[in-house]
ModelCIF file with pLDDT and N, C-alpha, C, O atoms, coordinates in Angstrom:
data_MODEL
#
_entry.id   MODEL 
#
_entity.id                         1 
_entity.type                       polymer 
_entity.pdbx_number_of_molecules   1 
#
_entity_poly.entity_id                      1 
_entity_poly.type                           'polypeptide(L)' 
_entity_poly.nstd_linkage                   no 
_entity_poly.nstd_monomer                   no 
_entity_poly.pdbx_seq_one_letter_code       SPEYVRPYVKAHKNDDRDAEAIAEAATRPTMRFVEIKS 
_entity_poly.pdbx_seq_one_letter_code_can   SPEYVRPYVKAHKNDDRDAEAIAEAATRPTMRFVEIKS 
_entity_poly.pdbx_strand_id                 A 
#
loop_
_entity_poly_seq.entity_id 
_entity_poly_seq.num 
_entity_poly_seq.mon_id 
_entity_poly_seq.hetero 
1 1  SER n 
1 2  PRO n 
1 3  GLU n 
1 4  TYR n 
1 5  VAL n 
1 6  ARG n 
1 7  PRO n 
1 8  TYR n 
1 9  VAL n 
1 10 LYS n 
1 11 ALA n 
1 12 HIS n 
1 13 LYS n 
1 14 ASN n 
1 15 ASP n 
1 16 ASP n 
1 17 ARG n 
1 18 ASP n 
1 19 ALA n 
1 20 GLU n 
1 21 ALA n 
1 22 ILE n 
1 23 ALA n 
1 24 GLU n 
1 25 ALA n 
1 26 ALA n 
1 27 THR n 
1 28 ARG n 
1 29 PRO n 
1 30 THR n 
1 31 MET n 
1 32 ARG n 
1 33 PHE n 
1 34 VAL n 
1 35 GLU n 
1 36 ILE n 
1 37 LYS n 
1 38 SER n 
#
_struct_asym.id          A 
_struct_asym.entity_id   1 
#
loop_
_ma_qa_metric.id 
_ma_qa_metric.mode 
_ma_qa_metric.name 
_ma_qa_metric.software_group_id 
_ma_qa_metric.type 
1 global pLDDT . pLDDT 
2 local  pLDDT . pLDDT 
#
_ma_qa_metric_global.metric_id      1 
_ma_qa_metric_global.metric_value   91.29 
_ma_qa_metric_global.model_id       1 
_ma_qa_metric_global.ordinal_id     1 
#
loop_
_ma_qa_metric_local.label_asym_id 
_ma_qa_metric_local.label_comp_id 
_ma_qa_metric_local.label_seq_id 
_ma_qa_metric_local.metric_id 
_ma_qa_metric_local.metric_value 
_ma_qa_metric_local.model_id 
_ma_qa_metric_local.ordinal_id 
A SER 1  2 91.00 1 1  
A PRO 2  2 91.00 1 2  
A GLU 3  2 90.00 1 3  
A TYR 4  2 91.00 1 4  
A VAL 5  2 94.00 1 5  
A ARG 6  2 92.00 1 6  
A PRO 7  2 93.00 1 7  
A TYR 8  2 93.00 1 8  
A VAL 9  2 92.00 1 9  
A LYS 10 2 88.00 1 10 
A ALA 11 2 83.00 1 11 
A HIS 12 2 84.00 1 12 
A LYS 13 2 87.00 1 13 
A ASN 14 2 90.00 1 14 
A ASP 15 2 90.00 1 15 
A ASP 16 2 91.00 1 16 
A ARG 17 2 93.00 1 17 
A ASP 18 2 94.00 1 18 
A ALA 19 2 94.00 1 19 
A GLU 20 2 94.00 1 20 
A ALA 21 2 95.00 1 21 
A ILE 22 2 96.00 1 22 
A ALA 23 2 95.00 1 23 
A GLU 24 2 94.00 1 24 
A ALA 25 2 95.00 1 25 
A ALA 26 2 94.00 1 26 
A THR 27 2 93.00 1 27 
A ARG 28 2 93.00 1 28 
A PRO 29 2 92.00 1 29 
A THR 30 2 90.00 1 30 
A MET 31 2 92.00 1 31 
A ARG 32 2 88.00 1 32 
A PHE 33 2 90.00 1 33 
A VAL 34 2 88.00 1 34 
A GLU 35 2 88.00 1 35 
A ILE 36 2 91.00 1 36 
A LYS 37 2 90.00 1 37 
A SER 38 2 90.00 1 38 
#
loop_
_atom_site.group_PDB 
_atom_site.id 
_atom_site.type_symbol 
_atom_site.label_atom_id 
_atom_site.label_alt_id 
_atom_site.label_comp_id 
_atom_site.label_asym_id 
_atom_site.label_entity_id 
_atom_site.label_seq_id 
_atom_site.pdbx_PDB_ins_code 
_atom_site.Cartn_x 
_atom_site.Cartn_y 
_atom_site.Cartn_z 
_atom_site.occupancy 
_atom_site.B_iso_or_equiv 
_atom_site.pdbx_formal_charge 
_atom_site.auth_seq_id 
_atom_site.auth_comp_id 
_atom_site.auth_asym_id 
_atom_site.auth_atom_id 
_atom_site.pdbx_PDB_model_num 
ATOM 1   N N  . SER A 1 1  ? 81.995 67.286 119.806 1.00 91.00 ? 1  SER A N  1 
ATOM 2   C CA . SER A 1 1  ? 83.080 66.500 119.222 1.00 91.00 ? 1  SER A CA 1 
ATOM 3   C C  . SER A 1 1  ? 84.026 67.432 118.465 1.00 91.00 ? 1  SER A C  1 
ATOM 4   O O  . SER A 1 1  ? 83.559 68.325 117.757 1.00 91.00 ? 1  SER A O  1 
ATOM 5   N N  . PRO A 1 2  ? 85.346 67.248 118.595 1.00 91.00 ? 2  PRO A N  1 
ATOM 6   C CA . PRO A 1 2  ? 86.298 68.131 117.888 1.00 91.00 ? 2  PRO A CA 1 
ATOM 7   C C  . PRO A 1 2  ? 86.101 68.159 116.379 1.00 91.00 ? 2  PRO A C  1 
ATOM 8   O O  . PRO A 1 2  ? 86.354 69.185 115.748 1.00 91.00 ? 2  PRO A O  1 
ATOM 9   N N  . GLU A 1 3  ? 85.656 67.053 115.786 1.00 90.00 ? 3  GLU A N  1 
ATOM 10  C CA . GLU A 1 3  ? 85.483 67.037 114.332 1.00 90.00 ? 3  GLU A CA 1 
ATOM 11  C C  . GLU A 1 3  ? 84.345 67.940 113.885 1.00 90.00 ? 3  GLU A C  1 
ATOM 12  O O  . GLU A 1 3  ? 84.330 68.378 112.734 1.00 90.00 ? 3  GLU A O  1 
ATOM 13  N N  . TYR A 1 4  ? 83.383 68.232 114.773 1.00 91.00 ? 4  TYR A N  1 
ATOM 14  C CA . TYR A 1 4  ? 82.296 69.144 114.424 1.00 91.00 ? 4  TYR A CA 1 
ATOM 15  C C  . TYR A 1 4  ? 82.703 70.604 114.590 1.00 91.00 ? 4  TYR A C  1 
ATOM 16  O O  . TYR A 1 4  ? 82.065 71.493 114.026 1.00 91.00 ? 4  TYR A O  1 
ATOM 17  N N  . VAL A 1 5  ? 83.756 70.855 115.356 1.00 94.00 ? 5  VAL A N  1 
ATOM 18  C CA . VAL A 1 5  ? 84.229 72.223 115.583 1.00 94.00 ? 5  VAL A CA 1 
ATOM 19  C C  . VAL A 1 5  ? 85.182 72.655 114.477 1.00 94.00 ? 5  VAL A C  1 
ATOM 20  O O  . VAL A 1 5  ? 85.260 73.841 114.156 1.00 94.00 ? 5  VAL A O  1 
ATOM 21  N N  . ARG A 1 6  ? 85.902 71.713 113.896 1.00 92.00 ? 6  ARG A N  1 
ATOM 22  C CA . ARG A 1 6  ? 86.962 72.018 112.934 1.00 92.00 ? 6  ARG A CA 1 
ATOM 23  C C  . ARG A 1 6  ? 86.506 72.922 111.773 1.00 92.00 ? 6  ARG A C  1 
ATOM 24  O O  . ARG A 1 6  ? 87.267 73.810 111.390 1.00 92.00 ? 6  ARG A O  1 
ATOM 25  N N  . PRO A 1 7  ? 85.311 72.746 111.195 1.00 93.00 ? 7  PRO A N  1 
ATOM 26  C CA . PRO A 1 7  ? 84.928 73.622 110.075 1.00 93.00 ? 7  PRO A CA 1 
ATOM 27  C C  . PRO A 1 7  ? 84.798 75.097 110.436 1.00 93.00 ? 7  PRO A C  1 
ATOM 28  O O  . PRO A 1 7  ? 84.791 75.945 109.544 1.00 93.00 ? 7  PRO A O  1 
ATOM 29  N N  . TYR A 1 8  ? 84.694 75.423 111.717 1.00 93.00 ? 8  TYR A N  1 
ATOM 30  C CA . TYR A 1 8  ? 84.499 76.814 112.125 1.00 93.00 ? 8  TYR A CA 1 
ATOM 31  C C  . TYR A 1 8  ? 85.818 77.510 112.454 1.00 93.00 ? 8  TYR A C  1 
ATOM 32  O O  . TYR A 1 8  ? 85.819 78.690 112.806 1.00 93.00 ? 8  TYR A O  1 
ATOM 33  N N  . VAL A 1 9  ? 86.941 76.795 112.346 1.00 92.00 ? 9  VAL A N  1 
ATOM 34  C CA . VAL A 1 9  ? 88.242 77.399 112.615 1.00 92.00 ? 9  VAL A CA 1 
ATOM 35  C C  . VAL A 1 9  ? 88.681 78.199 111.397 1.00 92.00 ? 9  VAL A C  1 
ATOM 36  O O  . VAL A 1 9  ? 88.713 77.679 110.282 1.00 92.00 ? 9  VAL A O  1 
ATOM 37  N N  . LYS A 1 10 ? 89.017 79.461 111.617 1.00 88.00 ? 10 LYS A N  1 
ATOM 38  C CA . LYS A 1 10 ? 89.447 80.320 110.510 1.00 88.00 ? 10 LYS A CA 1 
ATOM 39  C C  . LYS A 1 10 ? 90.904 80.043 110.159 1.00 88.00 ? 10 LYS A C  1 
ATOM 40  O O  . LYS A 1 10 ? 91.557 79.221 110.801 1.00 88.00 ? 10 LYS A O  1 
ATOM 41  N N  . ALA A 1 11 ? 91.411 80.732 109.137 1.00 83.00 ? 11 ALA A N  1 
ATOM 42  C CA . ALA A 1 11 ? 92.787 80.538 108.689 1.00 83.00 ? 11 ALA A CA 1 
ATOM 43  C C  . ALA A 1 11 ? 93.769 80.934 109.793 1.00 83.00 ? 11 ALA A C  1 
ATOM 44  O O  . ALA A 1 11 ? 93.409 81.634 110.739 1.00 83.00 ? 11 ALA A O  1 
ATOM 45  N N  . HIS A 1 12 ? 95.023 80.471 109.653 1.00 84.00 ? 12 HIS A N  1 
ATOM 46  C CA . HIS A 1 12 ? 96.073 80.728 110.639 1.00 84.00 ? 12 HIS A CA 1 
ATOM 47  C C  . HIS A 1 12 ? 95.646 80.224 112.024 1.00 84.00 ? 12 HIS A C  1 
ATOM 48  O O  . HIS A 1 12 ? 95.558 80.979 112.992 1.00 84.00 ? 12 HIS A O  1 
ATOM 49  N N  . LYS A 1 13 ? 95.393 78.943 112.066 1.00 87.00 ? 13 LYS A N  1 
ATOM 50  C CA . LYS A 1 13 ? 94.895 78.302 113.272 1.00 87.00 ? 13 LYS A CA 1 
ATOM 51  C C  . LYS A 1 13 ? 95.827 78.524 114.454 1.00 87.00 ? 13 LYS A C  1 
ATOM 52  O O  . LYS A 1 13 ? 97.042 78.367 114.332 1.00 87.00 ? 13 LYS A O  1 
ATOM 53  N N  . ASN A 1 14 ? 95.254 78.891 115.605 1.00 90.00 ? 14 ASN A N  1 
ATOM 54  C CA . ASN A 1 14 ? 95.971 78.966 116.876 1.00 90.00 ? 14 ASN A CA 1 
ATOM 55  C C  . ASN A 1 14 ? 94.972 78.739 117.997 1.00 90.00 ? 14 ASN A C  1 
ATOM 56  O O  . ASN A 1 14 ? 93.789 78.527 117.734 1.00 90.00 ? 14 ASN A O  1 
ATOM 57  N N  . ASP A 1 15 ? 95.427 78.781 119.237 1.00 90.00 ? 15 ASP A N  1 
ATOM 58  C CA . ASP A 1 15 ? 94.547 78.479 120.365 1.00 90.00 ? 15 ASP A CA 1 
ATOM 59  C C  . ASP A 1 15 ? 93.415 79.489 120.498 1.00 90.00 ? 15 ASP A C  1 
ATOM 60  O O  . ASP A 1 15 ? 92.289 79.111 120.821 1.00 90.00 ? 15 ASP A O  1 
ATOM 61  N N  . ASP A 1 16 ? 93.696 80.775 120.253 1.00 91.00 ? 16 ASP A N  1 
ATOM 62  C CA . ASP A 1 16 ? 92.648 81.792 120.351 1.00 91.00 ? 16 ASP A CA 1 
ATOM 63  C C  . ASP A 1 16 ? 91.569 81.588 119.298 1.00 91.00 ? 16 ASP A C  1 
ATOM 64  O O  . ASP A 1 16 ? 90.381 81.733 119.586 1.00 91.00 ? 16 ASP A O  1 
ATOM 65  N N  . ARG A 1 17 ? 91.980 81.253 118.079 1.00 93.00 ? 17 ARG A N  1 
ATOM 66  C CA . ARG A 1 17 ? 90.991 81.001 117.023 1.00 93.00 ? 17 ARG A CA 1 
ATOM 67  C C  . ARG A 1 17 ? 90.211 79.718 117.301 1.00 93.00 ? 17 ARG A C  1 
ATOM 68  O O  . ARG A 1 17 ? 89.036 79.614 116.949 1.00 93.00 ? 17 ARG A O  1 
ATOM 69  N N  . ASP A 1 18 ? 90.864 78.739 117.934 1.00 94.00 ? 18 ASP A N  1 
ATOM 70  C CA . ASP A 1 18 ? 90.148 77.516 118.312 1.00 94.00 ? 18 ASP A CA 1 
ATOM 71  C C  . ASP A 1 18 ? 89.052 77.824 119.327 1.00 94.00 ? 18 ASP A C  1 
ATOM 72  O O  . ASP A 1 18 ? 87.937 77.318 119.208 1.00 94.00 ? 18 ASP A O  1 
ATOM 73  N N  . ALA A 1 19 ? 89.367 78.655 120.329 1.00 94.00 ? 19 ALA A N  1 
ATOM 74  C CA . ALA A 1 19 ? 88.365 79.021 121.328 1.00 94.00 ? 19 ALA A CA 1 
ATOM 75  C C  . ALA A 1 19 ? 87.206 79.779 120.683 1.00 94.00 ? 19 ALA A C  1 
ATOM 76  O O  . ALA A 1 19 ? 86.046 79.567 121.036 1.00 94.00 ? 19 ALA A O  1 
ATOM 77  N N  . GLU A 1 20 ? 87.525 80.665 119.735 1.00 94.00 ? 20 GLU A N  1 
ATOM 78  C CA . GLU A 1 20 ? 86.473 81.392 119.029 1.00 94.00 ? 20 GLU A CA 1 
ATOM 79  C C  . GLU A 1 20 ? 85.616 80.444 118.208 1.00 94.00 ? 20 GLU A C  1 
ATOM 80  O O  . GLU A 1 20 ? 84.395 80.595 118.167 1.00 94.00 ? 20 GLU A O  1 
ATOM 81  N N  . ALA A 1 21 ? 86.243 79.456 117.546 1.00 95.00 ? 21 ALA A N  1 
ATOM 82  C CA . ALA A 1 21 ? 85.488 78.487 116.746 1.00 95.00 ? 21 ALA A CA 1 
ATOM 83  C C  . ALA A 1 21 ? 84.582 77.628 117.626 1.00 95.00 ? 21 ALA A C  1 
ATOM 84  O O  . ALA A 1 21 ? 83.463 77.300 117.231 1.00 95.00 ? 21 ALA A O  1 
ATOM 85  N N  . ILE A 1 22 ? 85.056 77.265 118.807 1.00 96.00 ? 22 ILE A N  1 
ATOM 86  C CA . ILE A 1 22 ? 84.238 76.468 119.734 1.00 96.00 ? 22 ILE A CA 1 
ATOM 87  C C  . ILE A 1 22 ? 83.001 77.244 120.155 1.00 96.00 ? 22 ILE A C  1 
ATOM 88  O O  . ILE A 1 22 ? 81.898 76.700 120.194 1.00 96.00 ? 22 ILE A O  1 
ATOM 89  N N  . ALA A 1 23 ? 83.193 78.530 120.471 1.00 95.00 ? 23 ALA A N  1 
ATOM 90  C CA . ALA A 1 23 ? 82.051 79.357 120.867 1.00 95.00 ? 23 ALA A CA 1 
ATOM 91  C C  . ALA A 1 23 ? 81.063 79.514 119.714 1.00 95.00 ? 23 ALA A C  1 
ATOM 92  O O  . ALA A 1 23 ? 79.851 79.454 119.922 1.00 95.00 ? 23 ALA A O  1 
ATOM 93  N N  . GLU A 1 24 ? 81.575 79.713 118.502 1.00 94.00 ? 24 GLU A N  1 
ATOM 94  C CA . GLU A 1 24 ? 80.691 79.880 117.344 1.00 94.00 ? 24 GLU A CA 1 
ATOM 95  C C  . GLU A 1 24 ? 79.951 78.590 117.025 1.00 94.00 ? 24 GLU A C  1 
ATOM 96  O O  . GLU A 1 24 ? 78.763 78.625 116.705 1.00 94.00 ? 24 GLU A O  1 
ATOM 97  N N  . ALA A 1 25 ? 80.639 77.442 117.108 1.00 95.00 ? 25 ALA A N  1 
ATOM 98  C CA . ALA A 1 25 ? 79.990 76.163 116.802 1.00 95.00 ? 25 ALA A CA 1 
ATOM 99  C C  . ALA A 1 25 ? 78.854 75.870 117.777 1.00 95.00 ? 25 ALA A C  1 
ATOM 100 O O  . ALA A 1 25 ? 77.860 75.250 117.400 1.00 95.00 ? 25 ALA A O  1 
ATOM 101 N N  . ALA A 1 26 ? 78.994 76.309 119.023 1.00 94.00 ? 26 ALA A N  1 
ATOM 102 C CA . ALA A 1 26 ? 77.963 76.040 120.034 1.00 94.00 ? 26 ALA A CA 1 
ATOM 103 C C  . ALA A 1 26 ? 76.672 76.790 119.755 1.00 94.00 ? 26 ALA A C  1 
ATOM 104 O O  . ALA A 1 26 ? 75.628 76.447 120.309 1.00 94.00 ? 26 ALA A O  1 
ATOM 105 N N  . THR A 1 27 ? 76.724 77.806 118.907 1.00 93.00 ? 27 THR A N  1 
ATOM 106 C CA . THR A 1 27 ? 75.518 78.581 118.603 1.00 93.00 ? 27 THR A CA 1 
ATOM 107 C C  . THR A 1 27 ? 74.698 77.982 117.474 1.00 93.00 ? 27 THR A C  1 
ATOM 108 O O  . THR A 1 27 ? 73.565 78.406 117.247 1.00 93.00 ? 27 THR A O  1 
ATOM 109 N N  . ARG A 1 28 ? 75.246 77.005 116.760 1.00 93.00 ? 28 ARG A N  1 
ATOM 110 C CA . ARG A 1 28 ? 74.546 76.449 115.600 1.00 93.00 ? 28 ARG A CA 1 
ATOM 111 C C  . ARG A 1 28 ? 73.368 75.595 116.047 1.00 93.00 ? 28 ARG A C  1 
ATOM 112 O O  . ARG A 1 28 ? 73.528 74.755 116.933 1.00 93.00 ? 28 ARG A O  1 
ATOM 113 N N  . PRO A 1 29 ? 72.180 75.786 115.455 1.00 92.00 ? 29 PRO A N  1 
ATOM 114 C CA . PRO A 1 29 ? 70.996 75.037 115.900 1.00 92.00 ? 29 PRO A CA 1 
ATOM 115 C C  . PRO A 1 29 ? 71.052 73.546 115.592 1.00 92.00 ? 29 PRO A C  1 
ATOM 116 O O  . PRO A 1 29 ? 70.368 72.756 116.242 1.00 92.00 ? 29 PRO A O  1 
ATOM 117 N N  . THR A 1 30 ? 71.862 73.150 114.606 1.00 90.00 ? 30 THR A N  1 
ATOM 118 C CA . THR A 1 30 ? 71.937 71.735 114.235 1.00 90.00 ? 30 THR A CA 1 
ATOM 119 C C  . THR A 1 30 ? 73.123 71.019 114.870 1.00 90.00 ? 30 THR A C  1 
ATOM 120 O O  . THR A 1 30 ? 73.370 69.853 114.563 1.00 90.00 ? 30 THR A O  1 
ATOM 121 N N  . MET A 1 31 ? 73.852 71.688 115.739 1.00 92.00 ? 31 MET A N  1 
ATOM 122 C CA . MET A 1 31 ? 75.031 71.085 116.360 1.00 92.00 ? 31 MET A CA 1 
ATOM 123 C C  . MET A 1 31 ? 74.616 69.945 117.298 1.00 92.00 ? 31 MET A C  1 
ATOM 124 O O  . MET A 1 31 ? 73.600 70.026 117.988 1.00 92.00 ? 31 MET A O  1 
ATOM 125 N N  . ARG A 1 32 ? 75.422 68.891 117.305 1.00 88.00 ? 32 ARG A N  1 
ATOM 126 C CA . ARG A 1 32 ? 75.198 67.760 118.207 1.00 88.00 ? 32 ARG A CA 1 
ATOM 127 C C  . ARG A 1 32 ? 76.113 67.907 119.410 1.00 88.00 ? 32 ARG A C  1 
ATOM 128 O O  . ARG A 1 32 ? 77.316 68.128 119.269 1.00 88.00 ? 32 ARG A O  1 
ATOM 129 N N  . PHE A 1 33 ? 75.535 67.784 120.582 1.00 90.00 ? 33 PHE A N  1 
ATOM 130 C CA . PHE A 1 33 ? 76.286 67.976 121.811 1.00 90.00 ? 33 PHE A CA 1 
ATOM 131 C C  . PHE A 1 33 ? 76.455 66.652 122.548 1.00 90.00 ? 33 PHE A C  1 
ATOM 132 O O  . PHE A 1 33 ? 75.643 65.737 122.413 1.00 90.00 ? 33 PHE A O  1 
ATOM 133 N N  . VAL A 1 34 ? 77.524 66.575 123.327 1.00 88.00 ? 34 VAL A N  1 
ATOM 134 C CA . VAL A 1 34 ? 77.846 65.387 124.116 1.00 88.00 ? 34 VAL A CA 1 
ATOM 135 C C  . VAL A 1 34 ? 77.357 65.608 125.545 1.00 88.00 ? 34 VAL A C  1 
ATOM 136 O O  . VAL A 1 34 ? 77.621 66.649 126.147 1.00 88.00 ? 34 VAL A O  1 
ATOM 137 N N  . GLU A 1 35 ? 76.644 64.620 126.078 1.00 88.00 ? 35 GLU A N  1 
ATOM 138 C CA . GLU A 1 35 ? 76.181 64.723 127.455 1.00 88.00 ? 35 GLU A CA 1 
ATOM 139 C C  . GLU A 1 35 ? 77.359 64.609 128.429 1.00 88.00 ? 35 GLU A C  1 
ATOM 140 O O  . GLU A 1 35 ? 78.293 63.840 128.200 1.00 88.00 ? 35 GLU A O  1 
ATOM 141 N N  . ILE A 1 36 ? 77.300 65.375 129.503 1.00 91.00 ? 36 ILE A N  1 
ATOM 142 C CA . ILE A 1 36 ? 78.351 65.322 130.520 1.00 91.00 ? 36 ILE A CA 1 
ATOM 143 C C  . ILE A 1 36 ? 78.249 64.009 131.280 1.00 91.00 ? 36 ILE A C  1 
ATOM 144 O O  . ILE A 1 36 ? 77.176 63.651 131.767 1.00 91.00 ? 36 ILE A O  1 
ATOM 145 N N  . LYS A 1 37 ? 79.350 63.300 131.382 1.00 90.00 ? 37 LYS A N  1 
ATOM 146 C CA . LYS A 1 37 ? 79.375 62.022 132.081 1.00 90.00 ? 37 LYS A CA 1 
ATOM 147 C C  . LYS A 1 37 ? 79.483 62.236 133.589 1.00 90.00 ? 37 LYS A C  1 
ATOM 148 O O  . LYS A 1 37 ? 80.128 63.178 134.051 1.00 90.00 ? 37 LYS A O  1 
ATOM 149 N N  . SER A 1 38 ? 78.850 61.359 134.334 1.00 90.00 ? 38 SER A N  1 
ATOM 150 C CA . SER A 1 38 ? 78.942 61.408 135.789 1.00 90.00 ? 38 SER A CA 1 
ATOM 151 C C  . SER A 1 38 ? 80.265 60.808 136.249 1.00 90.00 ? 38 SER A C  1 
ATOM 152 O O  . SER A 1 38 ? 80.535 60.756 137.449 1.00 90.00 ? 38 SER A O  1 
#
């Protein structure tokens, strides 16, 4: 969910920092993931 990724975005937000935040958020052991829909 985008709201769970937002805390990992560093200052001066841009698309590259968003991609980095998404990758970092995926490594967290307590992160909740969305199942892929058929």
